[in-house]
Amino acid sequence: MIRSSSSLPAAADKPAVFISPDPLDIAALLKEAHHPGAGGLVLFSGEVRDNNRGRAVAHLEYEAHEALASQLIEEILKAAIEKWGLQIAVACHRTGKVAIGETAVVVITASAHRSEAYAANKYIIDRIKHEAPIWKCEYYIDGSHEWGNNCNCQAITGDLTKHIYDA
């Protein structure tokens, strides 16, 4: 968790964890994300679904260059804090096998007002998906699998530089 410089001290000075091989505890992350100066708190949880582009998915596996991914996620969080004046910014991504219904990534933002918390949350998850050195492999029910980046927009847009969230 990263708190703004004007916020309360970090809980027990725990080191920030941005990449984890363990299941993400959303309740614990949320419990640590409250701030007396925040009137809006947004939690995004990226869940593993049972289908993608018409194919039945069995599970996902994520690999990451942990040091670089952690450094980049920390930079993204700091940029969001500065841009939107956040009190809290949290992001953690799973690695390893992630089953259907499990959480692959969590982003939590807290700010004085909801609009900043929502905008910052979207900014953070979009940048993580498109920039962090995290790769996913989709394992399908038929026994096949497919590696890709954390973003598969190119398969939909036909353009490596165009993302489905672009207006």
Protein backbone atom coordinates (compact mmCIF):
# COMPACT_ATOMS: atom_id res chain seq x y z
CA MET A 1 0.00 0.00 0.00
CA ILE A 2 1.19 3.46 -0.77
CA ARG A 3 -0.16 6.39 1.19
CA SER A 4 0.21 10.00 0.26
CA SER A 5 2.77 12.03 2.20
CA SER A 6 -0.03 13.75 4.09
CA SER A 7 -1.61 10.52 5.28
CA LEU A 8 -1.31 8.37 8.35
CA PRO A 9 1.85 6.27 8.79
CA ALA A 10 1.85 2.89 7.07
CA ALA A 11 0.41 0.10 9.20
CA ALA A 12 3.32 -1.35 11.18
CA ASP A 13 5.64 -0.18 8.39
CA LYS A 14 4.86 -3.35 6.44
CA PRO A 15 6.70 -3.53 3.11
CA ALA A 16 4.48 -3.05 0.08
CA VAL A 17 3.69 -6.22 -1.86
CA PHE A 18 2.85 -5.67 -5.52
CA ILE A 19 3.29 -9.24 -6.85
CA SER A 20 2.18 -12.31 -4.90
CA PRO A 21 2.20 -16.06 -5.53
CA ASP A 22 -0.42 -16.40 -2.77
CA PRO A 23 -4.17 -15.84 -3.04
CA LEU A 24 -5.04 -12.17 -2.63
CA ASP A 25 -6.96 -11.37 0.57
CA ILE A 26 -9.31 -8.64 -0.60
CA ALA A 27 -10.81 -8.14 2.86
CA ALA A 28 -7.39 -7.61 4.44
CA LEU A 29 -6.31 -5.21 1.69
CA LEU A 30 -9.55 -3.26 2.03
CA LYS A 31 -9.26 -3.13 5.83
CA GLU A 32 -5.88 -1.36 5.50
CA ALA A 33 -7.11 1.04 2.81
CA HIS A 34 -9.33 3.35 4.86
CA HIS A 35 -8.26 6.91 5.53
CA PRO A 36 -9.99 9.69 7.50
CA GLY A 37 -9.46 12.17 4.67
CA ALA A 38 -11.03 9.93 2.03
CA GLY A 39 -14.71 10.29 1.19
CA GLY A 40 -14.49 7.89 -1.74
CA LEU A 41 -12.90 4.45 -1.87
CA VAL A 42 -12.91 2.30 -5.03
CA LEU A 43 -11.96 -1.38 -5.10
CA PHE A 44 -11.37 -3.19 -8.40
CA SER A 45 -10.93 -6.96 -8.31
CA GLY A 46 -9.96 -8.68 -11.55
CA GLU A 47 -11.50 -12.14 -11.35
CA VAL A 48 -10.69 -15.20 -13.47
CA ARG A 49 -13.73 -15.98 -15.60
CA ASP A 50 -14.66 -19.30 -17.18
CA ASN A 51 -14.58 -18.04 -20.78
CA ASN A 52 -12.65 -15.76 -23.11
CA ARG A 53 -13.48 -14.90 -26.71
CA GLY A 54 -15.91 -17.79 -26.97
CA ARG A 55 -13.61 -20.43 -25.47
CA ALA A 56 -14.14 -22.26 -22.18
CA VAL A 57 -11.29 -21.47 -19.77
CA ALA A 58 -10.09 -23.97 -17.15
CA HIS A 59 -7.69 -21.64 -15.29
CA LEU A 60 -4.97 -19.04 -15.81
CA GLU A 61 -1.29 -19.00 -14.93
CA TYR A 62 0.64 -15.77 -14.50
CA GLU A 63 4.38 -15.21 -14.66
CA ALA A 64 6.10 -11.93 -13.92
CA HIS A 65 9.49 -10.34 -13.84
CA GLU A 66 8.85 -9.63 -10.17
CA ALA A 67 11.47 -6.94 -9.56
CA LEU A 68 10.58 -4.94 -12.66
CA ALA A 69 6.81 -5.44 -12.25
CA SER A 70 6.98 -4.34 -8.61
CA GLN A 71 9.03 -1.27 -9.49
CA LEU A 72 6.66 -0.30 -12.30
CA ILE A 73 3.53 -0.82 -10.19
CA GLU A 74 5.04 1.34 -7.45
CA GLU A 75 5.78 4.08 -10.03
CA ILE A 76 2.22 3.85 -11.40
CA LEU A 77 0.77 4.17 -7.89
CA LYS A 78 2.96 7.17 -7.09
CA ALA A 79 1.95 8.85 -10.38
CA ALA A 80 -1.74 8.29 -9.56
CA ILE A 81 -1.30 9.69 -6.05
CA GLU A 82 0.29 12.81 -7.48
CA LYS A 83 -2.18 13.24 -10.36
CA TRP A 84 -5.39 12.71 -8.36
CA GLY A 85 -4.31 13.66 -4.82
CA LEU A 86 -5.07 10.18 -3.47
CA GLN A 87 -4.80 9.31 0.20
CA ILE A 88 -4.41 5.59 -0.56
CA ALA A 89 -3.31 3.62 -3.61
CA VAL A 90 -2.98 -0.17 -3.51
CA ALA A 91 -2.28 -2.67 -6.28
CA CYS A 92 -1.32 -6.33 -6.09
CA HIS A 93 -1.18 -8.94 -8.88
CA ARG A 94 -1.11 -12.72 -8.50
CA THR A 95 1.40 -15.05 -10.08
CA GLY A 96 1.14 -18.79 -10.53
CA LYS A 97 -2.02 -20.78 -11.13
CA VAL A 98 -5.24 -18.83 -10.55
CA ALA A 99 -8.50 -20.78 -10.62
CA ILE A 100 -11.86 -19.71 -12.02
CA GLY A 101 -13.49 -17.28 -9.60
CA GLU A 102 -10.22 -16.34 -7.90
CA THR A 103 -8.79 -12.84 -7.87
CA ALA A 104 -5.88 -12.16 -10.21
CA VAL A 105 -5.39 -8.46 -9.44
CA VAL A 106 -6.65 -5.90 -6.92
CA VAL A 107 -6.53 -2.11 -7.15
CA ILE A 108 -7.81 0.10 -4.34
CA THR A 109 -7.87 3.89 -4.45
CA ALA A 110 -9.10 6.35 -1.84
CA SER A 111 -9.48 10.09 -2.23
CA ALA A 112 -11.47 13.00 -0.89
CA HIS A 113 -14.08 12.53 -3.64
CA ARG A 114 -15.32 9.54 -5.62
CA SER A 115 -14.58 10.91 -9.09
CA GLU A 116 -10.83 11.03 -8.39
CA ALA A 117 -10.90 7.56 -6.80
CA TYR A 118 -12.67 6.08 -9.85
CA ALA A 119 -10.44 7.83 -12.41
CA ALA A 120 -7.26 6.85 -10.59
CA ASN A 121 -8.38 3.24 -10.18
CA LYS A 122 -9.01 2.88 -13.93
CA TYR A 123 -5.70 4.58 -14.72
CA ILE A 124 -3.81 2.19 -12.43
CA ILE A 125 -5.36 -1.05 -13.71
CA ASP A 126 -5.07 0.02 -17.36
CA ARG A 127 -1.38 0.86 -16.96
CA ILE A 128 -0.64 -2.36 -15.05
CA LYS A 129 -2.37 -4.49 -17.70
CA HIS A 130 -0.59 -2.78 -20.57
CA GLU A 131 2.85 -1.97 -19.16
CA ALA A 132 3.82 -4.33 -16.34
CA PRO A 133 6.00 -7.33 -17.28
CA ILE A 134 3.30 -9.81 -16.30
CA TRP A 135 2.28 -12.58 -18.69
CA LYS A 136 -0.71 -14.86 -18.57
CA CYS A 137 -1.34 -18.26 -20.02
CA GLU A 138 -4.95 -19.27 -20.53
CA TYR A 139 -5.60 -22.97 -20.13
CA TYR A 140 -8.74 -24.10 -21.92
CA ILE A 141 -11.12 -26.93 -21.11
CA ASP A 142 -10.17 -28.66 -24.39
CA GLY A 143 -6.58 -29.08 -23.10
CA SER A 144 -5.01 -26.35 -25.22
CA HIS A 145 -3.41 -23.20 -23.86
CA GLU A 146 -2.36 -19.79 -25.11
CA TRP A 147 0.27 -17.37 -23.79
CA GLY A 148 -0.25 -13.67 -24.08
CA ASN A 149 0.38 -10.41 -22.34
CA ASN A 150 -1.90 -9.27 -19.60
CA CYS A 151 -3.78 -7.50 -22.38
CA ASN A 152 -5.33 -9.25 -25.35
CA CYS A 153 -6.73 -6.10 -26.98
CA GLN A 154 -4.73 -6.71 -30.16
CA ALA A 155 -6.72 -9.88 -30.83
CA ILE A 156 -9.89 -7.76 -30.78
CA THR A 157 -8.68 -4.45 -32.29
CA GLY A 158 -6.14 -5.88 -34.75
CA ASP A 159 -3.70 -3.15 -33.70
CA LEU A 160 -0.97 -3.56 -31.08
CA THR A 161 -1.25 0.13 -30.16
CA LYS A 162 -5.08 0.30 -29.92
CA HIS A 163 -6.78 -0.86 -26.77
CA ILE A 164 -10.44 -1.69 -26.34
CA TYR A 165 -10.81 0.94 -23.61
CA ASP A 166 -9.63 3.73 -25.94
CA ALA A 167 -12.46 6.01 -26.95
